[in-house]
Amino acid sequence: MTIQRIAIPFLVLALFGTLSIPPVAQAQVAVGVSVSFAPPDLPVYEQPACPGEDYIWTPGYWDWDGDDYFWVPGTWVLAPEPGFFWTPGYWVWGGSGFIFTAGYWGPVVGFYGGVNYGFGYFGRGYEGGRWERGHFFYNRAVNNVNVTIVHNTYNTTVVNRSVTRVSYNGGNGGINARASREEEAAARERHITAVEAQTRHVQEARQDRQLRAAENHGRPPVAATEKPGEFRGNRVVAAREAGAVHGGPGRAENRPENRPGNRPESRSDNNARPNPAIHPRDLPPRERPASPSTGDPRLDKKYQQQQEKLQQQQARDREKLQQRQDRDDQRVSKQRADQARQQQTEQRHQQETQKLVEKHNQQQQKMQQRQQSQSRPEPSKPPKEKPH
């Protein structure tokens, strides 16, 4: 089984400002990792044979070592307990950089950014197998299984219609996918983080310079292994085809002065930034204005109440627009509209969201100007001269 290469267009999703991650990802987001350029595309490679019963395939992905992306080879891992599946991690555009959301074990496969990792992980759910009576049964249509070693198998054809090698969600050229209600519910199930074998596997990959994107140019010599930590020998699989590399240390687009948020054109207000968010839920939380400090406690309290009232009204505006856009998306989905129709709807949503941002910015500016003018002390009048 190989990851196929079929080019299909995607809607461009780009956020701006600070990170706004959907609730499904908040619990497992990796803190402190934000990269200014996108991870490389996924390389093409073969899956090594399953080493034994109850091993679950964990697909390869690009991780970050503080200086460059490095490839973590796909590998077979024993499930931490019967009935548990692996939800892969994924990269998501957060407005000023790419943030990695860690994978986890759980009774249901959750949201993994719509990334098509292949071998059963085709962007939604998992088609590689199922648990029955405490043992894992493998779908041979998408897995490399030796039936003389693994006896619990079946064969169900899976149609992989949306193949792409893009490895990140959101941003320019990224995958436009959002978590479904079922995937949001899966995120609330009991989870287990990566087991020790997986953690050790990542650490060894980080130490191997051949796995850095700058060294392998998107084509890692160890793309997959039979078991975690096995990076040598005849059970190691090299990539057949490289994934496109979108940036790297020392490149012009990644110098500090050229990074998002540091360019002169992006240091102005939100209205001047290109590629605005498509939906209100993609917007970053509005920053709270500084607390009023006029020297008059009663006046400060009054101004604070005015600001809170405006914040609450703007939150209702966002929610109302989001609900209407969700109804639009549901209607278009039920009608099975073509991609051009879907793109027109998303473009309209983007324009509506930007107008809402502009409206809220103007409201905030007017309130601040009004409060400043009202709090200015009146000029002192000269004392009246006493009559002689």
Protein backbone atom coordinates (compact mmCIF):
# COMPACT_ATOMS: atom_id res chain seq x y z
CA MET A 1 0.00 0.00 0.00
CA THR A 2 1.42 3.39 -0.96
CA ILE A 3 0.27 6.93 -0.43
CA GLN A 4 -1.08 7.85 -3.84
CA ARG A 5 -0.43 11.17 -5.49
CA ILE A 6 -3.49 12.89 -6.89
CA ALA A 7 -3.50 16.68 -7.05
CA ILE A 8 -6.80 18.34 -6.12
CA PRO A 9 -7.53 22.00 -5.37
CA PHE A 10 -8.34 23.19 -1.88
CA LEU A 11 -9.94 26.34 -0.53
CA VAL A 12 -7.43 28.62 1.08
CA LEU A 13 -7.98 29.05 4.80
CA ALA A 14 -5.89 31.69 6.53
CA LEU A 15 -6.38 33.11 9.98
CA PHE A 16 -4.81 36.23 11.41
CA GLY A 17 -3.81 37.60 14.78
CA THR A 18 -3.26 35.29 17.72
CA LEU A 19 -3.98 31.58 17.75
CA SER A 20 -7.62 30.48 17.76
CA ILE A 21 -7.80 26.69 17.94
CA PRO A 22 -11.12 24.85 17.83
CA PRO A 23 -12.16 23.16 21.11
CA VAL A 24 -11.38 19.71 19.74
CA ALA A 25 -7.66 20.53 19.67
CA GLN A 26 -7.23 22.62 22.79
CA ALA A 27 -6.69 19.71 25.15
CA GLN A 28 -3.83 18.23 23.17
CA VAL A 29 -2.06 21.21 21.59
CA ALA A 30 1.73 21.21 22.04
CA VAL A 31 2.57 24.32 24.04
CA GLY A 32 5.40 26.58 22.94
CA VAL A 33 5.91 25.26 19.39
CA SER A 34 5.15 27.78 16.63
CA VAL A 35 6.93 27.65 13.28
CA SER A 36 6.79 30.47 10.76
CA PHE A 37 6.84 28.23 7.67
CA ALA A 38 4.80 25.18 6.72
CA PRO A 39 5.99 21.60 7.18
CA PRO A 40 6.98 19.69 4.02
CA ASP A 41 4.42 17.60 2.20
CA LEU A 42 4.18 13.92 3.11
CA PRO A 43 6.64 11.67 1.27
CA VAL A 44 5.52 8.55 -0.61
CA TYR A 45 6.59 5.28 1.02
CA GLU A 46 5.58 1.64 1.46
CA GLN A 47 4.19 0.32 4.71
CA PRO A 48 6.35 -2.36 6.41
CA ALA A 49 4.64 -5.62 7.31
CA CYS A 50 2.75 -5.74 10.60
CA PRO A 51 5.04 -7.51 13.12
CA GLY A 52 2.30 -9.22 15.13
CA GLU A 53 -1.21 -9.18 16.51
CA ASP A 54 -2.73 -6.06 18.10
CA TYR A 55 -0.13 -3.67 16.66
CA ILE A 56 -1.67 -0.43 15.38
CA TRP A 57 -0.18 1.57 12.52
CA THR A 58 0.94 5.07 13.52
CA PRO A 59 1.70 7.08 10.36
CA GLY A 60 4.87 9.11 9.84
CA TYR A 61 4.79 12.89 10.22
CA TRP A 62 7.02 15.96 10.31
CA ASP A 63 8.06 17.14 13.78
CA TRP A 64 10.10 20.21 14.79
CA ASP A 65 13.45 20.23 16.64
CA GLY A 66 13.71 23.99 17.25
CA ASP A 67 15.61 24.66 14.03
CA ASP A 68 14.14 22.48 11.28
CA TYR A 69 11.46 19.93 10.56
CA PHE A 70 12.49 16.30 10.95
CA TRP A 71 10.67 13.18 9.84
CA VAL A 72 9.28 10.77 12.43
CA PRO A 73 9.01 7.44 10.57
CA GLY A 74 5.70 5.64 10.50
CA THR A 75 5.75 2.49 12.64
CA TRP A 76 3.66 -0.26 14.20
CA VAL A 77 2.93 0.22 17.92
CA LEU A 78 1.21 -2.10 20.39
CA ALA A 79 -2.03 -0.50 21.54
CA PRO A 80 -1.84 0.51 25.23
CA GLU A 81 -5.05 -1.42 25.87
CA PRO A 82 -7.63 -3.36 23.84
CA GLY A 83 -10.19 -1.20 22.06
CA PHE A 84 -7.94 1.82 21.69
CA PHE A 85 -7.10 3.52 18.38
CA TRP A 86 -4.43 6.08 17.49
CA THR A 87 -5.44 9.61 16.49
CA PRO A 88 -2.44 11.10 14.61
CA GLY A 89 -1.07 14.53 15.44
CA TYR A 90 -1.16 17.33 12.88
CA TRP A 91 0.05 20.86 12.14
CA VAL A 92 -2.42 23.76 12.08
CA TRP A 93 -1.97 27.38 10.99
CA GLY A 94 -2.51 29.62 14.00
CA GLY A 95 -2.39 33.08 12.44
CA SER A 96 1.28 33.86 13.08
CA GLY A 97 2.79 30.40 12.74
CA PHE A 98 2.17 26.67 12.49
CA ILE A 99 1.28 24.88 15.72
CA PHE A 100 1.58 21.14 16.29
CA THR A 101 -1.32 19.28 17.87
CA ALA A 102 -0.16 16.04 19.48
CA GLY A 103 -1.74 12.66 18.76
CA TYR A 104 -3.33 10.42 21.38
CA TRP A 105 -4.83 6.97 22.06
CA GLY A 106 -8.53 6.62 22.67
CA PRO A 107 -11.61 4.44 22.05
CA VAL A 108 -12.54 6.55 19.00
CA VAL A 109 -10.38 8.18 16.33
CA GLY A 110 -10.73 11.94 16.64
CA PHE A 111 -9.92 14.90 14.42
CA TYR A 112 -6.45 14.99 12.86
CA GLY A 113 -6.75 18.05 10.66
CA GLY A 114 -8.07 16.32 7.56
CA VAL A 115 -4.50 15.25 6.75
CA ASN A 116 -4.38 12.17 4.49
CA TYR A 117 -1.62 10.03 6.01
CA GLY A 118 -2.64 6.98 3.98
CA PHE A 119 -2.85 3.35 5.15
CA GLY A 120 -6.36 3.82 6.52
CA TYR A 121 -5.92 7.38 7.79
CA PHE A 122 -7.52 9.17 4.86
CA GLY A 123 -8.38 12.45 6.59
CA ARG A 124 -11.44 11.28 8.53
CA GLY A 125 -11.54 8.34 10.94
CA TYR A 126 -9.62 5.12 10.37
CA GLU A 127 -10.32 2.42 7.74
CA GLY A 128 -7.43 0.13 8.68
CA GLY A 129 -9.17 -2.22 11.08
CA ARG A 130 -11.48 -2.79 14.01
CA TRP A 131 -11.48 -4.35 17.47
CA GLU A 132 -13.44 -7.56 18.07
CA ARG A 133 -13.46 -9.66 21.25
CA GLY A 134 -10.35 -7.97 22.58
CA HIS A 135 -8.25 -8.43 19.42
CA PHE A 136 -7.56 -6.18 16.45
CA PHE A 137 -8.71 -7.30 13.01
CA TYR A 138 -6.77 -5.79 10.08
CA ASN A 139 -8.20 -4.61 6.78
CA ARG A 140 -5.78 -6.06 4.24
CA ALA A 141 -7.03 -3.61 1.59
CA VAL A 142 -5.06 -0.81 3.27
CA ASN A 143 -2.53 -2.67 5.45
CA ASN A 144 0.54 -4.81 4.74
CA VAL A 145 -0.25 -7.95 6.77
CA ASN A 146 1.41 -11.36 6.56
CA VAL A 147 -1.45 -13.82 7.18
CA THR A 148 0.98 -16.50 8.36
CA ILE A 149 1.83 -14.24 11.33
CA VAL A 150 -1.40 -12.29 11.80
CA HIS A 151 -4.61 -14.33 11.48
CA ASN A 152 -7.25 -11.72 12.34
CA THR A 153 -7.83 -10.09 8.97
CA TYR A 154 -10.57 -9.12 6.55
CA ASN A 155 -10.68 -7.38 3.20
CA THR A 156 -12.90 -4.36 2.58
CA THR A 157 -12.19 -2.06 -0.34
CA VAL A 158 -11.81 1.59 0.64
CA VAL A 159 -12.29 4.34 -1.95
CA ASN A 160 -9.80 7.09 -1.21
CA ARG A 161 -11.31 10.02 -3.10
CA SER A 162 -9.54 12.98 -1.52
CA VAL A 163 -5.86 12.12 -1.71
CA THR A 164 -3.42 14.91 -0.97
CA ARG A 165 0.08 15.01 0.45
CA VAL A 166 -0.35 18.37 2.20
CA SER A 167 0.61 17.87 5.85
CA TYR A 168 -1.06 20.81 7.58
CA ASN A 169 -4.48 22.32 8.25
CA GLY A 170 -5.26 25.95 7.39
CA GLY A 171 -2.97 28.66 6.06
CA ASN A 172 -2.03 29.23 2.44
CA GLY A 173 -2.39 25.94 0.57
CA GLY A 174 -3.43 24.08 3.70
CA ILE A 175 -6.29 21.63 4.11
CA ASN A 176 -9.67 23.23 4.74
CA ALA A 177 -11.19 20.81 7.25
CA ARG A 178 -13.01 21.29 10.53
CA ALA A 179 -13.93 18.77 13.20
CA SER A 180 -17.36 17.17 12.95
CA ARG A 181 -19.64 16.80 15.96
CA GLU A 182 -18.57 13.17 16.27
CA GLU A 183 -14.88 14.14 16.23
CA GLU A 184 -15.49 16.84 18.83
CA ALA A 185 -17.19 14.21 20.99
CA ALA A 186 -14.22 11.87 20.48
CA ALA A 187 -11.90 14.54 21.87
CA ARG A 188 -13.82 14.40 25.14
CA GLU A 189 -13.35 10.64 25.54
CA ARG A 190 -10.72 9.21 27.88
CA HIS A 191 -7.30 9.60 26.28
CA ILE A 192 -3.81 8.19 26.68
CA THR A 193 -0.86 10.18 25.38
CA ALA A 194 1.90 8.59 23.30
CA VAL A 195 3.33 5.49 24.97
CA GLU A 196 6.99 5.18 25.96
CA ALA A 197 7.93 3.34 22.75
CA GLN A 198 6.54 6.23 20.68
CA THR A 199 8.33 8.86 22.78
CA ARG A 200 11.64 7.01 22.39
CA HIS A 201 10.96 6.65 18.66
CA VAL A 202 10.58 10.44 18.30
CA GLN A 203 13.73 11.12 20.33
CA GLU A 204 15.82 8.85 18.13
CA ALA A 205 14.38 10.45 14.99
CA ARG A 206 15.29 13.90 16.34
CA GLN A 207 18.92 12.83 16.81
CA ASP A 208 19.27 11.44 13.27
CA ARG A 209 20.41 14.31 11.03
CA GLN A 210 19.41 12.36 7.91
CA LEU A 211 15.79 12.81 8.92
CA ARG A 212 15.99 16.62 8.95
CA ALA A 213 14.25 18.26 5.99
CA ALA A 214 17.38 20.32 5.24
CA GLU A 215 19.32 17.08 4.78
CA ASN A 216 16.82 14.85 2.98
CA HIS A 217 14.92 17.57 1.07
CA GLY A 218 11.58 15.97 1.87
CA ARG A 219 12.68 12.41 1.07
CA PRO A 220 13.72 10.73 4.34
CA PRO A 221 15.94 7.65 4.00
CA VAL A 222 13.97 6.08 6.86
CA ALA A 223 10.32 6.75 6.06
CA ALA A 224 8.84 3.82 8.00
CA THR A 225 9.96 1.04 10.34
CA GLU A 226 8.49 -2.24 11.49
CA LYS A 227 8.82 -1.38 15.18
CA PRO A 228 9.55 1.85 17.09
CA GLY A 229 13.21 2.84 17.24
CA GLU A 230 14.37 0.45 14.49
CA PHE A 231 16.20 2.80 12.12
CA ARG A 232 18.65 0.26 10.68
CA GLY A 233 18.40 -3.10 8.93
CA ASN A 234 16.25 -4.75 6.30
CA ARG A 235 12.99 -3.82 8.06
CA VAL A 236 13.49 -0.13 7.33
CA VAL A 237 11.64 1.46 4.40
CA ALA A 238 12.98 4.50 2.54
CA ALA A 239 10.77 7.09 0.86
CA ARG A 240 10.08 6.48 -2.82
CA GLU A 241 9.20 10.08 -3.56
CA ALA A 242 9.89 13.33 -1.75
CA GLY A 243 7.32 15.71 -0.34
CA ALA A 244 7.67 19.35 -1.37
CA VAL A 245 9.66 21.43 1.13
CA HIS A 246 8.09 24.85 1.81
CA GLY A 247 10.88 26.53 3.72
CA GLY A 248 13.88 25.96 5.89
CA PRO A 249 16.56 27.52 8.10
CA GLY A 250 18.41 30.35 6.39
CA ARG A 251 15.93 30.83 3.57
CA ALA A 252 14.90 34.39 2.79
CA GLU A 253 11.25 33.86 3.59
CA ASN A 254 12.15 32.66 7.10
CA ARG A 255 14.42 35.49 8.18
CA PRO A 256 13.05 37.36 11.21
CA GLU A 257 12.26 40.50 9.23
CA ASN A 258 10.21 38.48 6.71
CA ARG A 259 8.20 36.34 9.10
CA PRO A 260 4.45 36.88 9.49
CA GLY A 261 3.79 39.69 11.93
CA ASN A 262 7.23 41.23 11.41
CA ARG A 263 6.70 42.55 7.89
CA PRO A 264 5.88 46.28 7.71
CA GLU A 265 2.56 45.62 5.99
CA SER A 266 1.42 43.27 8.75
CA ARG A 267 2.25 45.52 11.68
CA SER A 268 -0.78 47.70 11.04
CA ASP A 269 -4.31 46.96 12.17
CA ASN A 270 -6.26 43.82 11.26
CA ASN A 271 -7.98 45.53 8.35
CA ALA A 272 -4.71 45.81 6.41
CA ARG A 273 -3.72 42.16 6.79
CA PRO A 274 -4.17 39.88 3.77
CA ASN A 275 -6.03 36.57 3.84
CA PRO A 276 -8.61 37.27 6.58
CA ALA A 277 -10.41 34.50 8.43
CA ILE A 278 -13.29 32.82 6.63
CA HIS A 279 -15.58 32.24 9.62
CA PRO A 280 -16.05 34.08 12.94
CA ARG A 281 -14.93 30.97 14.83
CA ASP A 282 -11.57 31.30 13.06
CA LEU A 283 -11.01 34.77 14.47
CA PRO A 284 -8.70 35.23 17.46
CA PRO A 285 -10.35 36.39 20.69
CA ARG A 286 -10.64 40.15 20.81
CA GLU A 287 -8.10 41.73 23.11
CA ARG A 288 -9.57 43.46 26.12
CA PRO A 289 -8.81 47.18 26.20
CA ALA A 290 -6.69 48.45 29.04
CA SER A 291 -8.66 49.21 32.18
CA PRO A 292 -9.66 52.88 32.35
CA SER A 293 -7.51 54.98 34.65
CA THR A 294 -8.87 58.51 34.84
CA GLY A 295 -8.16 59.02 38.51
CA ASP A 296 -11.88 59.02 39.25
CA PRO A 297 -12.97 55.55 40.54
CA ARG A 298 -16.62 56.14 39.68
CA LEU A 299 -15.77 57.21 36.15
CA ASP A 300 -13.39 54.26 35.73
CA LYS A 301 -16.15 51.86 36.79
CA LYS A 302 -18.58 53.44 34.35
CA TYR A 303 -16.12 53.16 31.45
CA GLN A 304 -15.29 49.55 32.38
CA GLN A 305 -18.98 48.65 32.27
CA GLN A 306 -19.31 50.29 28.85
CA GLN A 307 -16.39 48.26 27.52
CA GLU A 308 -17.77 44.99 28.91
CA LYS A 309 -21.17 45.71 27.40
CA LEU A 310 -19.56 46.31 24.00
CA GLN A 311 -17.51 43.08 24.30
CA GLN A 312 -20.65 41.09 25.06
CA GLN A 313 -22.52 42.61 22.12
CA GLN A 314 -19.64 41.85 19.76
CA ALA A 315 -19.50 38.26 21.00
CA ARG A 316 -23.22 37.94 20.20
CA ASP A 317 -22.58 39.40 16.74
CA ARG A 318 -19.92 36.76 16.08
CA GLU A 319 -22.13 33.94 17.30
CA LYS A 320 -25.09 35.12 15.23
CA LEU A 321 -23.03 35.35 12.04
CA GLN A 322 -21.41 31.97 12.71
CA GLN A 323 -24.81 30.31 13.12
CA ARG A 324 -26.04 31.77 9.85
CA GLN A 325 -22.89 30.67 8.02
CA ASP A 326 -23.19 27.17 9.50
CA ARG A 327 -26.71 26.96 8.05
CA ASP A 328 -25.31 28.02 4.67
CA ASP A 329 -22.65 25.29 4.83
CA GLN A 330 -25.20 22.65 5.79
CA ARG A 331 -27.50 23.67 2.94
CA VAL A 332 -24.68 23.56 0.38
CA SER A 333 -23.53 20.19 1.74
CA LYS A 334 -27.03 18.69 1.49
CA GLN A 335 -27.36 19.97 -2.06
CA ARG A 336 -24.02 18.28 -2.90
CA ALA A 337 -22.92 21.42 -4.67
CA ASP A 338 -19.83 21.35 -6.83
CA GLN A 339 -16.53 22.79 -5.67
CA ALA A 340 -17.05 26.11 -7.47
CA ARG A 341 -20.33 26.63 -5.60
CA GLN A 342 -18.68 25.77 -2.28
CA GLN A 343 -15.84 28.17 -3.00
CA GLN A 344 -18.29 31.00 -3.77
CA THR A 345 -20.01 30.38 -0.44
CA GLU A 346 -16.70 30.44 1.43
CA GLN A 347 -15.65 33.67 -0.34
CA ARG A 348 -18.92 35.29 0.70
CA HIS A 349 -18.41 34.12 4.27
CA GLN A 350 -14.92 35.58 4.24
CA GLN A 351 -16.26 38.97 3.13
CA GLU A 352 -18.97 38.90 5.81
CA THR A 353 -16.47 38.03 8.51
CA GLN A 354 -14.11 40.80 7.44
CA LYS A 355 -16.95 43.35 7.50
CA LEU A 356 -17.77 42.24 11.04
CA VAL A 357 -14.13 42.73 12.07
CA GLU A 358 -14.08 46.22 10.56
CA LYS A 359 -17.35 47.10 12.29
CA HIS A 360 -16.06 45.94 15.68
CA ASN A 361 -12.76 47.78 15.24
CA GLN A 362 -14.62 50.99 14.48
CA GLN A 363 -16.90 50.51 17.48
CA GLN A 364 -13.92 50.05 19.77
CA GLN A 365 -12.11 53.08 18.39
CA LYS A 366 -15.19 55.30 18.78
CA MET A 367 -15.71 54.20 22.36
CA GLN A 368 -12.08 54.88 23.26
CA GLN A 369 -12.19 58.31 21.61
CA ARG A 370 -15.43 59.18 23.38
CA GLN A 371 -14.12 58.09 26.76
CA GLN A 372 -10.87 59.99 26.27
CA SER A 373 -12.66 63.18 25.33
CA GLN A 374 -15.06 62.89 28.27
CA SER A 375 -12.29 62.28 30.77
CA ARG A 376 -10.16 65.28 29.75
CA PRO A 377 -10.19 67.89 32.51
CA GLU A 378 -11.87 71.11 31.63
CA PRO A 379 -9.48 74.04 31.20
CA SER A 380 -9.25 76.08 34.35
CA LYS A 381 -10.87 79.48 34.19
CA PRO A 382 -8.91 82.50 35.36
CA PRO A 383 -10.12 83.83 38.72
CA LYS A 384 -12.48 86.73 38.55
CA GLU A 385 -10.99 90.00 39.49
CA LYS A 386 -12.44 91.53 42.62
CA PRO A 387 -13.91 94.99 42.12
CA HIS A 388 -11.77 97.76 43.54
